[in-house]
Amino acid sequence: MTILEIHNLHKKIKGRQLLKNITLVIDKPGIYGIVGRNGSGKSLLFKTIAGLFVPSSGTVKVFNDIIGKGNFPKSFGALLDTPGFLTQYSGFQNLKILASIQNKISDQDIKNILTFVGLDYNDKGPVRKYSLGMRQRLGIAQAIMENPKLLLLDEPMNGLDQSGVAEMRDMILNFRKQDITILLASHNPEDIALLCDEVYKMDGGELVYHSSPVRLS
């Protein structure tokens, strides 16, 4: 089964052509880097894969299901933009509310995933008092808590200190060992070099080339 299949994807918003003729096929698990300048289309591409935007033309398939027009990917998680949560509630309460939509995981599963990302599930403090790094960790917990097989991570290191970045990289590499396919957007060349199996570059809404990463010595 193909993991991700995009053919001739175009997206216009308010008359502006923001994604142009993107074709991409991923048929084996791994970490796939998406690089490019701000405004190159990376985040919009991720949101279109996630089903948050409907293509103007072309197709997006995740695990052979066509995405868009109310159809969202199955076995899928994402960290897109700055994570949005109900800031008056704790991290645990936020994840419990989200988990209630599909009822696939237990309270203990939520506690385990919070511990895994370095947060205290007993912390009753509201999310509005979280640091940016803590929100980013909670966003990762939300993305992975239902054991997705495809994970979209848009700048997951944002707001993390040096030790947090190291821990996040270890987590991402651990996901790969579990045969989770990851699309990773990052402005940090070190993230791409250390983590990615293949790299795609976007420019002006187009996927302009594909290569292997330049490994750090």
Protein backbone atom coordinates (compact mmCIF):
# COMPACT_ATOMS: atom_id res chain seq x y z
CA MET A 1 0.00 0.00 0.00
CA THR A 2 1.32 3.44 -0.93
CA ILE A 3 1.75 5.68 2.11
CA LEU A 4 1.39 9.05 0.37
CA GLU A 5 0.58 9.72 -3.27
CA ILE A 6 0.22 13.24 -4.67
CA HIS A 7 -0.39 13.85 -8.36
CA ASN A 8 -0.46 17.19 -10.20
CA LEU A 9 -1.53 19.08 -7.08
CA HIS A 10 -2.47 22.74 -7.56
CA LYS A 11 -3.92 25.07 -4.95
CA LYS A 12 -5.25 28.58 -5.48
CA ILE A 13 -6.42 30.84 -2.67
CA LYS A 14 -8.10 34.15 -3.52
CA GLY A 15 -6.83 33.87 -7.07
CA ARG A 16 -3.21 33.29 -6.05
CA GLN A 17 -1.48 30.11 -7.22
CA LEU A 18 0.19 28.87 -4.04
CA LEU A 19 0.91 25.22 -4.90
CA LYS A 20 1.89 24.28 -8.45
CA ASN A 21 1.88 20.87 -10.10
CA ILE A 22 3.25 18.93 -7.12
CA THR A 23 3.77 15.21 -7.63
CA LEU A 24 5.18 13.08 -4.82
CA VAL A 25 4.99 9.35 -4.07
CA ILE A 26 6.18 7.81 -0.80
CA ASP A 27 5.89 4.04 -0.65
CA LYS A 28 8.18 3.07 2.21
CA PRO A 29 8.52 4.23 5.83
CA GLY A 30 11.21 6.77 6.60
CA ILE A 31 11.86 10.42 7.41
CA TYR A 32 11.34 12.75 4.48
CA GLY A 33 12.58 16.32 4.82
CA ILE A 34 10.77 19.24 3.18
CA VAL A 35 12.97 22.33 2.99
CA GLY A 36 12.48 25.82 1.57
CA ARG A 37 12.20 29.46 2.47
CA ASN A 38 9.28 30.98 4.40
CA GLY A 39 6.38 31.28 1.99
CA SER A 40 7.62 28.52 -0.31
CA GLY A 41 4.49 26.42 0.32
CA LYS A 42 5.66 23.84 2.86
CA SER A 43 2.99 24.54 5.48
CA LEU A 44 0.21 24.75 2.90
CA LEU A 45 1.32 21.43 1.43
CA PHE A 46 1.20 19.83 4.88
CA LYS A 47 -2.27 21.27 5.53
CA THR A 48 -3.51 19.97 2.20
CA ILE A 49 -2.17 16.49 2.97
CA ALA A 50 -3.96 16.75 6.34
CA GLY A 51 -7.25 17.51 4.59
CA LEU A 52 -7.52 21.05 5.96
CA PHE A 53 -7.44 22.47 2.42
CA VAL A 54 -9.07 20.95 -0.66
CA PRO A 55 -6.88 20.88 -3.81
CA SER A 56 -7.93 23.21 -6.62
CA SER A 57 -6.92 20.36 -8.94
CA GLY A 58 -4.96 17.14 -8.67
CA THR A 59 -5.20 14.43 -6.02
CA VAL A 60 -3.80 13.61 -2.59
CA LYS A 61 -4.03 10.03 -1.35
CA VAL A 62 -2.99 8.76 2.09
CA PHE A 63 -2.95 4.97 2.42
CA ASN A 64 -4.90 4.84 -0.89
CA ASP A 65 -7.74 7.07 0.41
CA ILE A 66 -8.37 10.31 -1.49
CA ILE A 67 -8.09 13.28 0.88
CA GLY A 68 -10.22 16.42 0.73
CA LYS A 69 -13.89 17.41 0.64
CA GLY A 70 -14.48 16.21 4.18
CA ASN A 71 -12.28 13.13 3.97
CA PHE A 72 -9.35 13.19 6.40
CA PRO A 73 -6.39 10.81 6.56
CA LYS A 74 -6.59 7.68 8.68
CA SER A 75 -3.75 6.59 10.98
CA PHE A 76 -2.37 10.09 10.86
CA GLY A 77 -0.99 12.74 13.21
CA ALA A 78 0.27 16.26 12.69
CA LEU A 79 1.98 19.18 14.37
CA LEU A 80 1.13 22.20 12.21
CA ASP A 81 1.90 25.84 13.05
CA THR A 82 1.84 26.77 16.74
CA PRO A 83 -0.21 24.08 18.51
CA GLY A 84 -3.68 25.33 19.45
CA PHE A 85 -5.19 24.15 22.71
CA LEU A 86 -7.93 25.12 25.15
CA THR A 87 -5.64 27.23 27.28
CA GLN A 88 -7.84 27.23 30.40
CA TYR A 89 -7.34 23.46 30.78
CA SER A 90 -4.30 21.39 31.68
CA GLY A 91 -2.28 19.42 29.16
CA PHE A 92 -3.85 16.15 30.30
CA GLN A 93 -7.37 17.60 30.03
CA ASN A 94 -6.67 18.88 26.51
CA LEU A 95 -5.49 15.47 25.32
CA LYS A 96 -8.41 13.74 27.03
CA ILE A 97 -10.88 16.00 25.18
CA LEU A 98 -9.17 15.29 21.85
CA ALA A 99 -8.98 11.55 22.57
CA SER A 100 -12.74 11.44 23.27
CA ILE A 101 -13.45 12.11 19.58
CA GLN A 102 -12.40 8.60 18.52
CA ASN A 103 -12.15 6.85 21.91
CA LYS A 104 -9.14 4.84 20.75
CA ILE A 105 -6.91 5.39 23.80
CA SER A 106 -7.28 5.32 27.59
CA ASP A 107 -6.38 7.84 30.30
CA GLN A 108 -3.34 5.71 31.05
CA ASP A 109 -2.26 5.93 27.41
CA ILE A 110 -2.48 9.73 27.66
CA LYS A 111 -0.39 9.71 30.84
CA ASN A 112 2.19 7.51 29.14
CA ILE A 113 2.49 9.79 26.13
CA LEU A 114 2.82 12.91 28.30
CA THR A 115 5.63 11.21 30.20
CA PHE A 116 7.22 10.17 26.89
CA VAL A 117 7.40 13.78 25.66
CA GLY A 118 8.72 15.07 28.98
CA LEU A 119 5.58 16.55 30.53
CA ASP A 120 4.07 15.83 33.96
CA TYR A 121 0.57 14.39 33.60
CA ASN A 122 -0.16 15.41 37.22
CA ASP A 123 0.44 19.08 36.39
CA LYS A 124 -2.95 20.76 36.90
CA GLY A 125 -1.70 24.13 35.62
CA PRO A 126 -3.52 25.58 32.59
CA VAL A 127 -1.86 25.47 29.18
CA ARG A 128 -1.90 29.29 29.06
CA LYS A 129 0.94 29.20 31.59
CA TYR A 130 3.03 26.78 29.51
CA SER A 131 6.24 27.94 27.90
CA LEU A 132 6.49 27.72 24.10
CA GLY A 133 8.64 24.62 24.49
CA MET A 134 6.04 22.95 26.74
CA ARG A 135 3.30 23.72 24.21
CA GLN A 136 5.45 22.22 21.48
CA ARG A 137 5.89 19.03 23.54
CA LEU A 138 2.14 18.90 24.12
CA GLY A 139 1.63 19.34 20.38
CA ILE A 140 3.89 16.35 19.73
CA ALA A 141 1.96 14.32 22.32
CA GLN A 142 -1.31 15.19 20.57
CA ALA A 143 0.16 14.21 17.19
CA ILE A 144 1.40 10.78 18.26
CA MET A 145 -1.00 9.72 21.01
CA GLU A 146 -3.18 7.53 18.75
CA ASN A 147 -0.22 5.68 17.20
CA PRO A 148 -0.35 7.13 13.67
CA LYS A 149 1.52 5.53 10.77
CA LEU A 150 2.00 8.90 9.04
CA LEU A 151 3.22 11.96 10.94
CA LEU A 152 3.54 15.52 9.63
CA LEU A 153 5.87 17.70 11.68
CA ASP A 154 6.10 21.38 10.71
CA GLU A 155 9.08 22.94 12.53
CA PRO A 156 8.76 20.66 15.60
CA MET A 157 11.90 22.12 17.24
CA ASN A 158 10.42 25.62 17.55
CA GLY A 159 10.66 26.94 21.11
CA LEU A 160 12.83 24.09 22.40
CA ASP A 161 16.12 24.66 24.15
CA GLN A 162 19.25 22.73 23.21
CA SER A 163 18.44 19.74 25.40
CA GLY A 164 14.83 19.78 24.19
CA VAL A 165 15.99 19.74 20.56
CA ALA A 166 18.23 16.74 21.28
CA GLU A 167 15.33 14.91 22.96
CA MET A 168 12.99 15.72 20.08
CA ARG A 169 15.49 14.40 17.54
CA ASP A 170 15.78 11.18 19.55
CA MET A 171 11.97 10.87 19.59
CA ILE A 172 11.75 11.34 15.83
CA LEU A 173 14.42 8.71 15.22
CA ASN A 174 12.55 6.37 17.57
CA PHE A 175 9.36 6.89 15.54
CA ARG A 176 11.23 5.75 12.43
CA LYS A 177 12.23 2.53 14.21
CA GLN A 178 8.51 1.90 14.69
CA ASP A 179 7.94 2.18 10.90
CA ILE A 180 6.19 5.53 11.25
CA THR A 181 6.56 7.64 8.12
CA ILE A 182 7.45 11.25 8.90
CA LEU A 183 7.33 14.37 6.76
CA LEU A 184 9.53 16.92 8.48
CA ALA A 185 9.72 20.61 7.63
CA SER A 186 12.65 22.39 9.24
CA HIS A 187 14.73 25.50 8.62
CA ASN A 188 17.65 23.93 10.48
CA PRO A 189 20.07 22.13 8.11
CA GLU A 190 21.33 20.09 11.06
CA ASP A 191 17.86 18.62 11.65
CA ILE A 192 17.67 17.60 8.00
CA ALA A 193 21.18 16.14 7.94
CA LEU A 194 20.80 14.18 11.17
CA LEU A 195 17.26 12.90 10.70
CA CYS A 196 16.17 12.59 7.10
CA ASP A 197 16.46 9.69 4.69
CA GLU A 198 15.47 11.83 1.70
CA VAL A 199 15.00 15.57 1.15
CA TYR A 200 12.64 17.54 -1.07
CA LYS A 201 12.97 21.26 -1.69
CA MET A 202 10.06 23.63 -2.28
CA ASP A 203 10.31 27.00 -3.98
CA GLY A 204 7.47 29.24 -5.08
CA GLY A 205 4.87 26.55 -4.41
CA GLU A 206 6.68 23.94 -6.50
CA LEU A 207 8.59 20.83 -5.50
CA VAL A 208 11.81 21.66 -7.34
CA TYR A 209 14.17 18.82 -6.48
CA HIS A 210 14.72 15.65 -4.49
CA SER A 211 18.00 14.39 -3.05
CA SER A 212 19.65 12.45 -0.28
CA PRO A 213 20.62 14.58 2.74
CA VAL A 214 24.17 15.82 3.23
CA ARG A 215 25.27 13.84 6.25
CA LEU A 216 27.23 15.52 9.03
CA SER A 217 30.64 14.02 9.69
